[in-house]
N, C-alpha and C. Protein backbone atom coordinates (compact mmCIF):
# COMPACT_ATOMS: atom_id res chain seq x y z
N LEU A 1 14.92 -2.05 -10.98
CA LEU A 1 14.31 -1.00 -11.03
C LEU A 1 13.42 -0.80 -9.70
N LEU A 2 12.57 -1.85 -9.27
CA LEU A 2 12.15 -2.24 -8.57
C LEU A 2 12.09 -2.59 -6.77
N ILE A 3 13.67 -2.81 -6.95
CA ILE A 3 14.15 -3.08 -5.78
C ILE A 3 14.40 -1.48 -5.06
N ALA A 4 14.80 -0.55 -6.55
CA ALA A 4 14.77 0.47 -6.14
C ALA A 4 13.95 1.32 -5.91
N SER A 5 12.96 1.00 -6.31
CA SER A 5 11.02 2.02 -6.04
C SER A 5 10.34 0.53 -6.21
N PRO A 6 10.14 -0.30 -4.88
CA PRO A 6 9.55 -0.92 -4.43
C PRO A 6 7.54 -0.74 -4.64
N ARG A 7 7.28 0.78 -4.14
CA ARG A 7 6.02 1.37 -3.52
C ARG A 7 5.54 2.32 -5.04
N SER A 8 6.51 1.71 -6.22
CA SER A 8 5.25 2.11 -7.18
C SER A 8 5.49 1.34 -8.31
N SER A 9 3.91 1.64 -8.22
CA SER A 9 3.01 0.51 -8.63
C SER A 9 2.47 0.55 -9.71
N PHE A 10 3.59 2.24 -11.05
CA PHE A 10 3.81 2.05 -12.49
C PHE A 10 4.55 0.73 -12.39
N LEU A 11 5.88 0.59 -11.97
CA LEU A 11 7.07 -0.64 -12.23
C LEU A 11 6.01 -1.66 -11.88
N TRP A 12 5.63 -1.73 -10.67
CA TRP A 12 4.96 -3.04 -10.87
C TRP A 12 3.91 -3.73 -12.38
N VAL A 13 3.05 -2.70 -12.63
CA VAL A 13 2.28 -3.03 -13.68
C VAL A 13 2.45 -3.48 -14.30
N ARG A 14 3.68 -2.94 -15.22
CA ARG A 14 4.24 -2.50 -16.13
C ARG A 14 4.76 -4.33 -15.96
N TYR A 15 5.69 -4.37 -14.95
CA TYR A 15 6.04 -5.81 -14.96
C TYR A 15 4.80 -6.69 -14.61
N MET A 16 3.47 -6.70 -15.07
CA MET A 16 2.88 -7.78 -14.95
C MET A 16 2.59 -7.59 -16.79
N ALA A 17 2.54 -6.45 -17.10
CA ALA A 17 2.91 -5.84 -18.66
C ALA A 17 3.20 -7.06 -19.31
N PHE A 18 4.66 -7.33 -18.34
CA PHE A 18 5.81 -7.91 -19.39
C PHE A 18 5.00 -8.75 -19.87
N HIS A 19 4.33 -9.85 -18.77
CA HIS A 19 4.09 -11.40 -17.79
C HIS A 19 3.02 -11.81 -19.42
N ILE A 20 1.94 -10.79 -19.27
CA ILE A 20 0.85 -11.36 -20.14
C ILE A 20 1.67 -10.67 -21.27
N SER A 21 2.40 -10.28 -21.66
CA SER A 21 2.94 -10.28 -23.29
C SER A 21 3.95 -11.65 -23.73
N CYS A 22 4.09 -11.97 -23.13
CA CYS A 22 4.20 -13.48 -23.22
C CYS A 22 3.95 -14.19 -22.74
N GLY A 23 3.00 -14.66 -22.29
CA GLY A 23 1.20 -15.25 -22.56
C GLY A 23 1.53 -15.57 -21.61
N ALA A 24 2.58 -14.91 -19.44
CA ALA A 24 3.13 -16.26 -18.99
C ALA A 24 1.82 -15.43 -17.63
N TYR A 25 0.55 -15.62 -17.04
CA TYR A 25 -1.23 -15.62 -17.05
C TYR A 25 -0.17 -15.60 -16.16
N ALA A 26 -0.42 -16.95 -15.00
CA ALA A 26 0.31 -17.18 -13.87
C ALA A 26 1.56 -16.30 -13.13
N GLU A 27 2.32 -15.51 -13.72
CA GLU A 27 3.71 -15.18 -12.72
C GLU A 27 2.84 -13.68 -13.06
N ALA A 28 1.98 -13.23 -14.40
CA ALA A 28 1.70 -11.79 -13.70
C ALA A 28 0.68 -11.71 -12.36
N ARG A 29 0.19 -13.33 -12.37
CA ARG A 29 -0.92 -12.74 -11.16
C ARG A 29 0.25 -12.45 -9.68
N GLU A 30 1.39 -13.39 -9.64
CA GLU A 30 2.07 -14.02 -9.33
C GLU A 30 3.03 -11.85 -8.78
N VAL A 31 3.14 -12.29 -9.44
CA VAL A 31 3.88 -10.12 -9.93
C VAL A 31 3.27 -9.49 -9.04
N ALA A 32 1.44 -10.29 -8.98
CA ALA A 32 0.48 -8.92 -8.47
C ALA A 32 0.61 -8.63 -6.98
N GLU A 33 0.80 -10.31 -6.68
CA GLU A 33 0.69 -10.61 -5.41
C GLU A 33 1.65 -9.70 -4.69
N ARG A 34 2.83 -10.12 -5.19
CA ARG A 34 3.92 -9.36 -4.77
C ARG A 34 3.77 -7.09 -4.08
N ALA A 35 3.29 -7.24 -5.30
CA ALA A 35 3.20 -5.85 -5.61
C ALA A 35 2.06 -5.96 -4.34
N ILE A 36 0.58 -6.40 -4.02
CA ILE A 36 0.30 -6.33 -2.58
C ILE A 36 0.79 -6.57 -1.99
N VAL A 37 2.10 -7.02 -1.75
CA VAL A 37 2.13 -7.61 -0.55
C VAL A 37 3.83 -6.27 0.41
N ALA A 38 3.87 -5.85 -1.27
CA ALA A 38 5.29 -4.80 -0.55
C ALA A 38 4.39 -3.66 -1.05
N ILE A 39 3.60 -3.15 -1.73
CA ILE A 39 3.48 -2.25 -1.26
C ILE A 39 2.26 -1.52 0.44
N PRO A 40 2.30 -0.50 0.87
CA PRO A 40 1.88 -0.54 1.88
C PRO A 40 0.69 -0.18 1.47
N ALA A 41 -0.20 -0.41 3.39
CA ALA A 41 -1.35 0.38 2.78
C ALA A 41 -1.78 1.56 3.13
N SER A 42 -0.82 2.13 4.08
CA SER A 42 -0.18 3.84 4.05
C SER A 42 -1.03 4.58 2.19
N GLU A 43 -0.07 3.63 1.18
CA GLU A 43 0.24 4.29 -0.90
C GLU A 43 -1.46 3.75 -1.40
N GLU A 44 -2.49 4.03 -0.45
CA GLU A 44 -3.94 3.55 -0.91
C GLU A 44 -3.56 3.64 -2.46
N THR A 45 -3.01 4.88 -3.29
CA THR A 45 -3.48 4.90 -4.54
C THR A 45 -2.49 4.00 -5.22
N GLU A 46 -1.61 3.90 -4.64
CA GLU A 46 -0.42 2.22 -5.25
C GLU A 46 -1.43 1.72 -5.54
N ARG A 47 -1.64 0.96 -4.24
CA ARG A 47 -2.70 -0.08 -4.45
C ARG A 47 -4.07 -0.03 -5.34
N MET A 48 -4.76 0.40 -4.94
CA MET A 48 -5.29 0.66 -5.94
C MET A 48 -5.15 0.81 -7.93
N ASN A 49 -3.67 1.27 -7.76
CA ASN A 49 -3.95 0.53 -9.16
C ASN A 49 -3.67 -0.59 -8.90
N ILE A 50 -3.08 -1.34 -8.16
CA ILE A 50 -2.19 -3.04 -8.86
C ILE A 50 -2.78 -3.68 -8.48
N TRP A 51 -4.34 -3.67 -8.02
CA TRP A 51 -6.20 -4.12 -7.89
C TRP A 51 -6.66 -3.65 -8.80
N ALA A 52 -6.61 -2.42 -10.01
CA ALA A 52 -7.20 -2.01 -11.28
C ALA A 52 -6.63 -3.26 -11.98
N ALA A 53 -5.40 -3.75 -12.08
CA ALA A 53 -4.20 -3.72 -12.98
C ALA A 53 -4.74 -5.64 -12.48
N TYR A 54 -4.67 -6.17 -11.55
CA TYR A 54 -4.51 -7.42 -11.33
C TYR A 54 -6.19 -7.62 -11.55
N LEU A 55 -7.72 -6.89 -10.93
CA LEU A 55 -8.57 -6.73 -11.73
C LEU A 55 -9.07 -7.43 -12.72
N ASN A 56 -8.07 -6.21 -13.29
CA ASN A 56 -8.61 -6.60 -15.21
C ASN A 56 -7.51 -7.59 -15.94
N LEU A 57 -6.59 -8.62 -15.43
CA LEU A 57 -6.22 -9.06 -15.65
C LEU A 57 -6.83 -10.67 -15.77
N GLU A 58 -7.51 -11.00 -14.28
CA GLU A 58 -9.19 -12.00 -14.08
C GLU A 58 -9.89 -12.10 -14.50
N ASN A 59 -10.11 -10.69 -15.11
CA ASN A 59 -11.30 -10.30 -16.13
C ASN A 59 -11.31 -10.75 -17.24
N LYS A 60 -10.12 -10.38 -17.68
CA LYS A 60 -9.99 -11.12 -19.89
C LYS A 60 -8.82 -12.72 -19.21
N TYR A 61 -8.52 -13.43 -18.60
CA TYR A 61 -7.58 -14.06 -18.32
C TYR A 61 -7.08 -15.25 -16.88
N GLY A 62 -8.90 -14.88 -16.33
CA GLY A 62 -9.05 -15.45 -15.70
C GLY A 62 -9.47 -16.95 -15.88
N THR A 63 -9.28 -18.28 -14.82
CA THR A 63 -10.09 -19.32 -15.02
C THR A 63 -9.83 -19.56 -13.24
N PRO A 64 -10.57 -21.03 -13.47
CA PRO A 64 -11.60 -21.42 -14.83
C PRO A 64 -12.66 -20.58 -15.64
N PRO A 65 -13.78 -19.45 -14.66
CA PRO A 65 -14.77 -18.95 -15.77
C PRO A 65 -13.86 -17.59 -14.71
N PRO A 66 -13.35 -16.91 -16.52
CA PRO A 66 -12.98 -14.66 -15.78
C PRO A 66 -14.33 -14.83 -14.02
N GLU A 67 -15.22 -14.72 -15.15
CA GLU A 67 -16.41 -13.90 -13.69
C GLU A 67 -16.08 -14.47 -12.62
N GLU A 68 -15.40 -15.72 -11.99
CA GLU A 68 -15.47 -16.23 -10.89
C GLU A 68 -14.50 -15.35 -10.29
N ALA A 69 -13.21 -15.79 -10.91
CA ALA A 69 -11.88 -14.86 -10.55
C ALA A 69 -12.17 -13.82 -10.92
N VAL A 70 -12.78 -12.97 -11.13
CA VAL A 70 -12.54 -11.69 -10.58
C VAL A 70 -13.67 -11.49 -9.36
N LYS A 71 -14.46 -12.52 -8.97
CA LYS A 71 -15.55 -12.23 -8.18
C LYS A 71 -15.10 -12.29 -7.01
N LYS A 72 -13.89 -13.28 -6.89
CA LYS A 72 -13.13 -13.76 -5.62
C LYS A 72 -11.95 -13.32 -5.38
N LEU A 73 -11.47 -12.41 -7.03
CA LEU A 73 -10.04 -11.09 -6.14
C LEU A 73 -11.33 -9.70 -5.01
N PHE A 74 -12.89 -9.68 -6.18
CA PHE A 74 -12.99 -8.49 -6.17
C PHE A 74 -13.41 -8.96 -4.16
N THR A 75 -14.15 -10.11 -3.76
CA THR A 75 -14.36 -10.29 -2.36
C THR A 75 -13.52 -9.26 -1.71
N ARG A 76 -12.34 -10.57 -1.91
CA ARG A 76 -10.65 -10.21 -0.80
C ARG A 76 -9.59 -8.94 -1.12
N ALA A 77 -10.09 -8.56 -2.55
CA ALA A 77 -9.98 -7.14 -2.35
C ALA A 77 -10.49 -5.70 -1.49
N VAL A 78 -12.12 -6.16 -1.60
CA VAL A 78 -12.26 -4.98 -0.81
C VAL A 78 -12.12 -4.86 0.90
N GLN A 79 -11.91 -6.17 1.57
CA GLN A 79 -11.14 -6.32 3.21
C GLN A 79 -10.21 -5.57 3.00
N LEU A 80 -9.44 -5.63 1.76
CA LEU A 80 -8.28 -4.67 2.02
C LEU A 80 -8.27 -3.56 2.15
N SER A 81 -8.74 -3.18 1.30
CA SER A 81 -8.72 -1.91 0.47
C SER A 81 -10.59 -0.59 0.55
N ASN A 82 -10.00 0.45 -0.55
CA ASN A 82 -11.72 1.42 -0.17
C ASN A 82 -12.68 0.60 -0.45
N ALA A 83 -13.48 -0.41 -0.13
CA ALA A 83 -14.41 -0.35 -0.91
C ALA A 83 -15.15 0.18 -1.77
N LYS A 84 -15.59 1.03 -1.60
CA LYS A 84 -16.29 2.07 -2.62
C LYS A 84 -15.35 2.26 -3.90
N HIS A 85 -14.22 2.54 -3.64
CA HIS A 85 -12.76 2.78 -4.58
C HIS A 85 -12.99 1.43 -5.58
N LEU A 86 -13.00 0.93 -4.79
CA LEU A 86 -12.71 -0.09 -5.98
C LEU A 86 -14.32 -1.10 -6.23
N HIS A 87 -15.30 -0.49 -5.94
CA HIS A 87 -16.68 -0.85 -7.04
C HIS A 87 -16.71 0.16 -7.82
N MET A 88 -15.47 1.41 -7.60
CA MET A 88 -16.14 2.38 -8.73
C MET A 88 -15.21 2.12 -10.10
N THR A 89 -14.28 2.02 -9.83
CA THR A 89 -13.09 1.09 -10.10
C THR A 89 -13.26 -0.90 -10.87
N LEU A 90 -14.39 -1.60 -10.69
CA LEU A 90 -14.85 -3.40 -10.84
C LEU A 90 -15.86 -2.43 -12.24
N ILE A 91 -16.58 -0.93 -11.88
CA ILE A 91 -18.12 -0.73 -12.36
C ILE A 91 -17.04 -0.49 -13.55
N SER A 92 -16.06 0.62 -13.69
CA SER A 92 -16.09 1.57 -14.66
C SER A 92 -14.60 -0.23 -16.32
N MET A 93 -14.32 -0.88 -14.85
CA MET A 93 -13.87 -2.16 -16.00
C MET A 93 -14.58 -2.77 -17.12
N TYR A 94 -15.76 -3.41 -16.43
CA TYR A 94 -17.12 -3.08 -16.76
C TYR A 94 -17.12 -2.74 -18.15
N GLU A 95 -16.94 -1.11 -17.95
CA GLU A 95 -18.23 -0.45 -19.23
C GLU A 95 -16.61 -0.76 -20.10
N ARG A 96 -16.03 -0.50 -20.19
CA ARG A 96 -14.61 -0.61 -21.04
C ARG A 96 -14.64 -1.89 -22.01
N ASN A 97 -15.30 -2.61 -21.25
CA ASN A 97 -15.33 -4.09 -21.24
C ASN A 97 -16.37 -4.28 -22.77
N GLY A 98 -17.34 -3.41 -22.16
CA GLY A 98 -18.22 -4.16 -22.86
C GLY A 98 -19.50 -5.82 -22.04
N GLN A 99 -18.95 -5.55 -21.19
CA GLN A 99 -19.90 -6.24 -20.04
C GLN A 99 -20.79 -5.72 -19.56
N GLN A 100 -22.25 -5.38 -20.51
CA GLN A 100 -23.83 -5.47 -20.30
C GLN A 100 -23.44 -5.91 -18.32
N GLN A 101 -24.35 -6.85 -19.30
CA GLN A 101 -24.87 -7.46 -17.53
C GLN A 101 -23.91 -7.56 -15.74
N SER A 102 -22.55 -8.02 -16.57
CA SER A 102 -21.59 -7.43 -15.30
C SER A 102 -22.05 -6.30 -14.75
N LEU A 103 -22.26 -5.37 -15.72
CA LEU A 103 -21.85 -4.01 -14.86
C LEU A 103 -23.37 -3.59 -14.47
N GLU A 104 -24.60 -4.10 -14.87
CA GLU A 104 -25.80 -4.46 -14.18
C GLU A 104 -25.47 -3.98 -13.06
N ASP A 105 -24.68 -6.04 -12.82
CA ASP A 105 -25.27 -6.40 -11.39
C ASP A 105 -24.48 -4.91 -10.26
N ALA A 106 -23.20 -4.86 -11.09
CA ALA A 106 -22.12 -4.50 -10.17
C ALA A 106 -23.02 -2.85 -9.35
N LEU A 107 -23.36 -1.63 -10.09
CA LEU A 107 -24.02 -0.49 -10.44
C LEU A 107 -25.45 -0.94 -9.51
N LYS A 108 -26.44 -2.07 -9.76
CA LYS A 108 -27.12 -2.35 -8.72
C LYS A 108 -25.93 -2.40 -7.41
N LYS A 109 -25.62 -3.68 -7.04
CA LYS A 109 -24.87 -3.28 -5.47
C LYS A 109 -23.91 -2.57 -4.99
N ALA A 110 -23.65 -1.85 -6.06
CA ALA A 110 -22.86 -0.24 -5.43
C ALA A 110 -24.10 1.04 -4.93
N ALA A 111 -25.61 1.20 -5.76
CA ALA A 111 -26.62 1.61 -5.82
C ALA A 111 -26.50 1.51 -4.11
N LYS A 112 -27.02 0.41 -3.70
CA LYS A 112 -27.06 -0.38 -3.05
C LYS A 112 -27.03 0.08 -1.45
N LYS A 113 -24.73 -0.60 -1.87
CA LYS A 113 -24.18 -0.30 -0.18
C LYS A 113 -24.17 0.93 -0.55
N PHE A 114 -24.25 1.57 -1.40
CA PHE A 114 -23.11 2.97 -1.11
C PHE A 114 -24.51 4.29 -1.92
N SER A 115 -25.35 4.32 -1.55
CA SER A 115 -27.07 5.08 -2.25
C SER A 115 -26.04 6.83 -1.78
N TYR A 116 -25.63 7.15 -0.10
CA TYR A 116 -24.99 8.30 -0.38
C TYR A 116 -24.33 8.51 -0.25
N SER A 117 -23.82 8.10 -1.69
CA SER A 117 -22.23 8.55 -3.13
C SER A 117 -23.21 9.68 -4.25
N THR A 118 -22.29 10.64 -4.45
CA THR A 118 -23.89 10.78 -5.47
C THR A 118 -22.07 10.57 -6.67
N LYS A 119 -21.37 9.99 -6.68
CA LYS A 119 -20.53 8.90 -7.46
C LYS A 119 -21.45 7.60 -7.45
N VAL A 120 -21.25 7.52 -7.37
CA VAL A 120 -22.15 5.41 -7.53
C VAL A 120 -23.32 6.01 -8.63
N TRP A 121 -24.34 7.22 -8.20
CA TRP A 121 -25.42 7.71 -8.40
C TRP A 121 -25.20 8.51 -9.74
N LEU A 122 -24.56 8.73 -9.86
CA LEU A 122 -24.25 9.01 -11.31
C LEU A 122 -23.41 8.35 -12.33
N ALA A 123 -22.41 7.06 -11.52
CA ALA A 123 -22.19 6.21 -13.17
C ALA A 123 -23.60 5.47 -12.92
N TYR A 124 -25.08 5.62 -11.92
CA TYR A 124 -25.41 4.71 -12.12
C TYR A 124 -26.09 5.24 -13.74
N ILE A 125 -26.50 6.47 -12.91
CA ILE A 125 -27.23 7.03 -13.98
C ILE A 125 -27.25 7.37 -15.79
N ARG A 126 -25.00 7.61 -15.74
CA ARG A 126 -24.53 7.37 -16.20
C ARG A 126 -24.80 6.48 -17.91
N ALA A 127 -24.75 5.63 -17.47
CA ALA A 127 -25.13 4.00 -17.67
C ALA A 127 -25.73 3.52 -18.71
N ALA A 128 -27.58 4.90 -17.86
CA ALA A 128 -28.47 3.91 -17.89
C ALA A 128 -28.63 4.86 -19.35
N ILE A 129 -28.11 6.13 -19.70
CA ILE A 129 -27.89 6.99 -20.73
C ILE A 129 -27.23 6.43 -22.12
N LEU A 130 -26.62 5.59 -21.73
CA LEU A 130 -25.52 5.19 -22.50
C LEU A 130 -26.74 4.22 -22.82
N LYS A 131 -27.43 3.36 -22.45
CA LYS A 131 -27.60 3.03 -23.26
C LYS A 131 -28.62 2.77 -23.48
N GLY A 132 -29.06 3.74 -23.56
CA GLY A 132 -30.37 5.26 -24.58
C GLY A 132 -31.63 4.59 -24.17
N ASN A 133 -31.26 4.67 -22.65
CA ASN A 133 -33.05 4.29 -21.39
C ASN A 133 -32.89 5.09 -21.44
N SER A 134 -33.99 6.79 -20.72
CA SER A 134 -33.87 7.54 -20.26
C SER A 134 -34.78 6.93 -19.71
N GLU A 135 -36.44 6.99 -19.49
CA GLU A 135 -36.34 7.35 -18.73
C GLU A 135 -36.29 5.59 -17.30
N TRP A 136 -35.31 4.89 -17.56
CA TRP A 136 -34.45 4.28 -15.83
C TRP A 136 -33.64 5.79 -15.42
N ALA A 137 -33.39 6.08 -16.66
CA ALA A 137 -31.64 7.24 -15.81
C ALA A 137 -33.19 8.15 -15.26
N ARG A 138 -33.82 8.72 -15.09
CA ARG A 138 -34.79 9.21 -14.76
C ARG A 138 -35.71 8.83 -13.60
N GLN A 139 -35.43 7.36 -13.24
CA GLN A 139 -36.26 6.75 -12.54
C GLN A 139 -34.52 6.86 -11.22
N LEU A 140 -33.59 6.94 -11.18
CA LEU A 140 -32.76 6.30 -11.08
C LEU A 140 -32.98 7.81 -10.12
N LEU A 141 -32.66 9.04 -10.70
CA LEU A 141 -32.30 10.22 -10.58
C LEU A 141 -33.22 10.30 -9.15
N ASP A 142 -34.27 9.77 -9.28
CA ASP A 142 -35.16 9.67 -8.60
C ASP A 142 -35.04 9.69 -7.35
N ARG A 143 -34.70 7.61 -7.36
CA ARG A 143 -34.34 7.50 -6.18
C ARG A 143 -33.29 7.95 -5.32
N ALA A 144 -32.14 8.55 -6.23
CA ALA A 144 -30.73 9.14 -6.01
C ALA A 144 -30.97 10.31 -5.09
N THR A 145 -32.30 11.14 -5.38
CA THR A 145 -32.39 12.44 -4.73
C THR A 145 -33.28 12.11 -3.42
N GLN A 146 -33.93 11.01 -3.22
CA GLN A 146 -34.65 11.18 -2.08
C GLN A 146 -33.07 9.55 -1.65
N ALA A 147 -32.47 9.72 -1.78
CA ALA A 147 -30.99 9.03 -1.36
C ALA A 147 -30.72 9.59 -0.92
N LEU A 148 -29.20 10.90 -1.60
CA LEU A 148 -28.79 11.95 -1.05
C LEU A 148 -29.27 13.04 -0.07
N PRO A 149 -28.21 13.44 0.91
CA PRO A 149 -28.58 15.42 1.05
C PRO A 149 -28.59 15.73 0.47
N LYS A 150 -29.68 17.08 0.98
CA LYS A 150 -29.87 17.64 0.25
C LYS A 150 -29.60 18.77 -0.88
N HIS A 151 -27.77 18.92 0.37
CA HIS A 151 -26.40 19.33 -0.18
C HIS A 151 -26.02 18.52 -2.03
N LYS A 152 -26.29 17.28 -2.26
CA LYS A 152 -25.83 16.53 -3.06
C LYS A 152 -27.51 17.05 -3.61
N HIS A 153 -27.72 17.43 -4.21
CA HIS A 153 -29.35 17.35 -5.27
C HIS A 153 -28.54 18.21 -6.55
N ILE A 154 -27.80 19.44 -5.89
CA ILE A 154 -28.35 20.18 -7.19
C ILE A 154 -26.20 19.76 -7.94
N LYS A 155 -25.55 19.42 -7.86
CA LYS A 155 -24.81 18.59 -8.28
C LYS A 155 -24.71 17.31 -8.62
N ILE A 156 -25.66 16.27 -8.10
CA ILE A 156 -26.59 15.72 -9.17
C ILE A 156 -27.24 15.92 -10.35
N LEU A 157 -28.14 16.68 -9.87
CA LEU A 157 -29.84 17.40 -11.31
C LEU A 157 -28.38 18.21 -12.31
N MET A 158 -27.31 18.19 -12.19
CA MET A 158 -26.62 19.03 -13.34
C MET A 158 -25.85 18.01 -13.75
N ARG A 159 -25.43 17.21 -13.65
CA ARG A 159 -24.14 16.72 -14.61
C ARG A 159 -25.15 15.61 -14.99
N THR A 160 -25.91 15.09 -14.14
CA THR A 160 -27.25 14.63 -15.26
C THR A 160 -27.86 14.83 -16.43
N ALA A 161 -28.08 16.31 -16.31
CA ALA A 161 -28.44 17.08 -17.61
C ALA A 161 -26.49 17.77 -18.38
N LEU A 162 -25.96 17.29 -17.69
CA LEU A 162 -24.67 17.11 -18.28
C LEU A 162 -24.11 15.88 -19.46
N PHE A 163 -24.37 14.72 -18.73
CA PHE A 163 -25.01 13.34 -19.07
C PHE A 163 -25.94 14.09 -20.28
N GLU A 164 -26.81 14.00 -20.41
CA GLU A 164 -27.92 14.10 -21.15
C GLU A 164 -27.63 14.39 -22.46
N MET A 165 -26.62 16.46 -22.47
CA MET A 165 -26.71 16.29 -22.91
C MET A 165 -25.27 16.27 -24.34
N LYS A 166 -24.78 15.58 -23.31
CA LYS A 166 -23.45 15.12 -24.32
C LYS A 166 -23.27 14.15 -24.84
N GLU A 167 -24.16 12.80 -24.07
CA GLU A 167 -23.94 11.42 -24.34
C GLU A 167 -25.68 10.84 -24.76
N GLY A 168 -26.64 11.20 -24.26
CA GLY A 168 -27.46 10.96 -24.36
C GLY A 168 -29.46 11.53 -25.32
N ASN A 169 -29.66 12.44 -25.35
CA ASN A 169 -30.52 13.74 -25.79
C ASN A 169 -30.58 15.03 -25.21
N PRO A 170 -29.87 15.10 -25.73
CA PRO A 170 -29.63 16.78 -25.49
C PRO A 170 -30.89 17.53 -25.80
N GLU A 171 -31.95 17.40 -26.14
CA GLU A 171 -32.73 18.54 -25.30
C GLU A 171 -33.21 18.10 -24.01
N ARG A 172 -33.46 17.27 -24.24
CA ARG A 172 -34.51 16.74 -22.54
C ARG A 172 -32.76 17.30 -21.51
N GLY A 173 -31.62 17.94 -22.14
CA GLY A 173 -30.48 18.41 -20.80
C GLY A 173 -30.41 19.10 -21.12
N ARG A 174 -31.06 20.13 -22.02
CA ARG A 174 -31.47 21.68 -21.95
C ARG A 174 -32.73 21.45 -21.61
N THR A 175 -33.27 21.35 -21.93
CA THR A 175 -35.15 21.14 -20.66
C THR A 175 -34.41 21.29 -19.73
N MET A 176 -33.32 20.67 -19.35
CA MET A 176 -32.86 20.41 -17.47
C MET A 176 -32.54 21.83 -16.90
N PHE A 177 -31.19 21.86 -17.84
CA PHE A 177 -31.22 22.90 -17.16
C PHE A 177 -31.81 24.84 -17.05
N ALA A 178 -31.96 24.09 -18.10
CA ALA A 178 -33.43 25.69 -18.75
C ALA A 178 -35.02 25.17 -17.17
N HIS A 179 -34.83 24.49 -17.02
CA HIS A 179 -35.71 23.81 -15.70
C HIS A 179 -35.03 24.68 -14.56
N PHE A 180 -33.87 24.11 -14.57
CA PHE A 180 -33.09 25.00 -13.14
C PHE A 180 -32.76 26.28 -12.93
N ILE A 181 -32.64 27.18 -14.51
CA ILE A 181 -32.24 28.81 -14.25
C ILE A 181 -33.74 29.21 -13.98
N ARG A 182 -34.71 27.99 -14.02
CA ARG A 182 -35.99 29.14 -13.68
C ARG A 182 -36.33 29.05 -12.20
N VAL A 183 -36.03 28.18 -11.19
CA VAL A 183 -36.42 27.62 -10.82
C VAL A 183 -35.33 28.99 -9.44
N ALA A 184 -34.89 28.64 -10.28
CA ALA A 184 -33.54 29.75 -9.85
C ALA A 184 -33.76 30.95 -9.28
N LEU A 185 -34.08 31.74 -10.53
CA LEU A 185 -34.30 33.40 -10.72
C LEU A 185 -35.65 33.32 -9.82
N GLU A 186 -36.41 31.37 -9.42
CA GLU A 186 -37.94 32.39 -9.35
C GLU A 186 -37.46 32.41 -7.61
N LYS A 187 -36.48 31.47 -6.48
CA LYS A 187 -36.18 31.50 -5.56
C LYS A 187 -35.10 32.55 -5.89
N LYS A 188 -34.88 33.66 -6.61
CA LYS A 188 -34.01 34.81 -5.72
C LYS A 188 -34.85 35.60 -6.00
N ASN A 189 -35.85 35.43 -6.86
CA ASN A 189 -36.71 37.05 -7.05
C ASN A 189 -38.07 36.85 -6.50
N PRO A 190 -39.07 36.47 -5.38
CA PRO A 190 -39.55 35.94 -5.66
C PRO A 190 -40.41 36.31 -6.27
């Protein structure tokens, strides 16, 4: 199948999964390396899928310690692919695996490096809300509105309110929405 479709990340990841299921982690790494070479840089989404699978492999089965293996691979991946997307992939991986300290470190680095990105700030705010730290989420929201251009403020405020309603304090989320509506009506009818 790979000979017929060498650019398919789905097939490469399945091949990696086969090796992992057999306990052949070194072979899975070799498959990931082959996939990175086989998939051209123009196929960014396909390559990103390989990097995500490779990072997950190293996070779970990396040697010597998985943290070092992930850090080394991530540093290499950032040089070859979309850095922001890779940071978000790493954040998502740590969140899924419940690695709170690694998640916090990755969020800090991403927010510092990509302070212009609404997605990065939203991931950071969401992590604070999920952790139950509304005060920290509020401080992050303030930092985000200072760092982001004005046209992105409504998006981040609305999404934060949604996060609060769904995953944090629903009452605080309602209060945020009520405030947005009040401000919008005041601007419409001065």
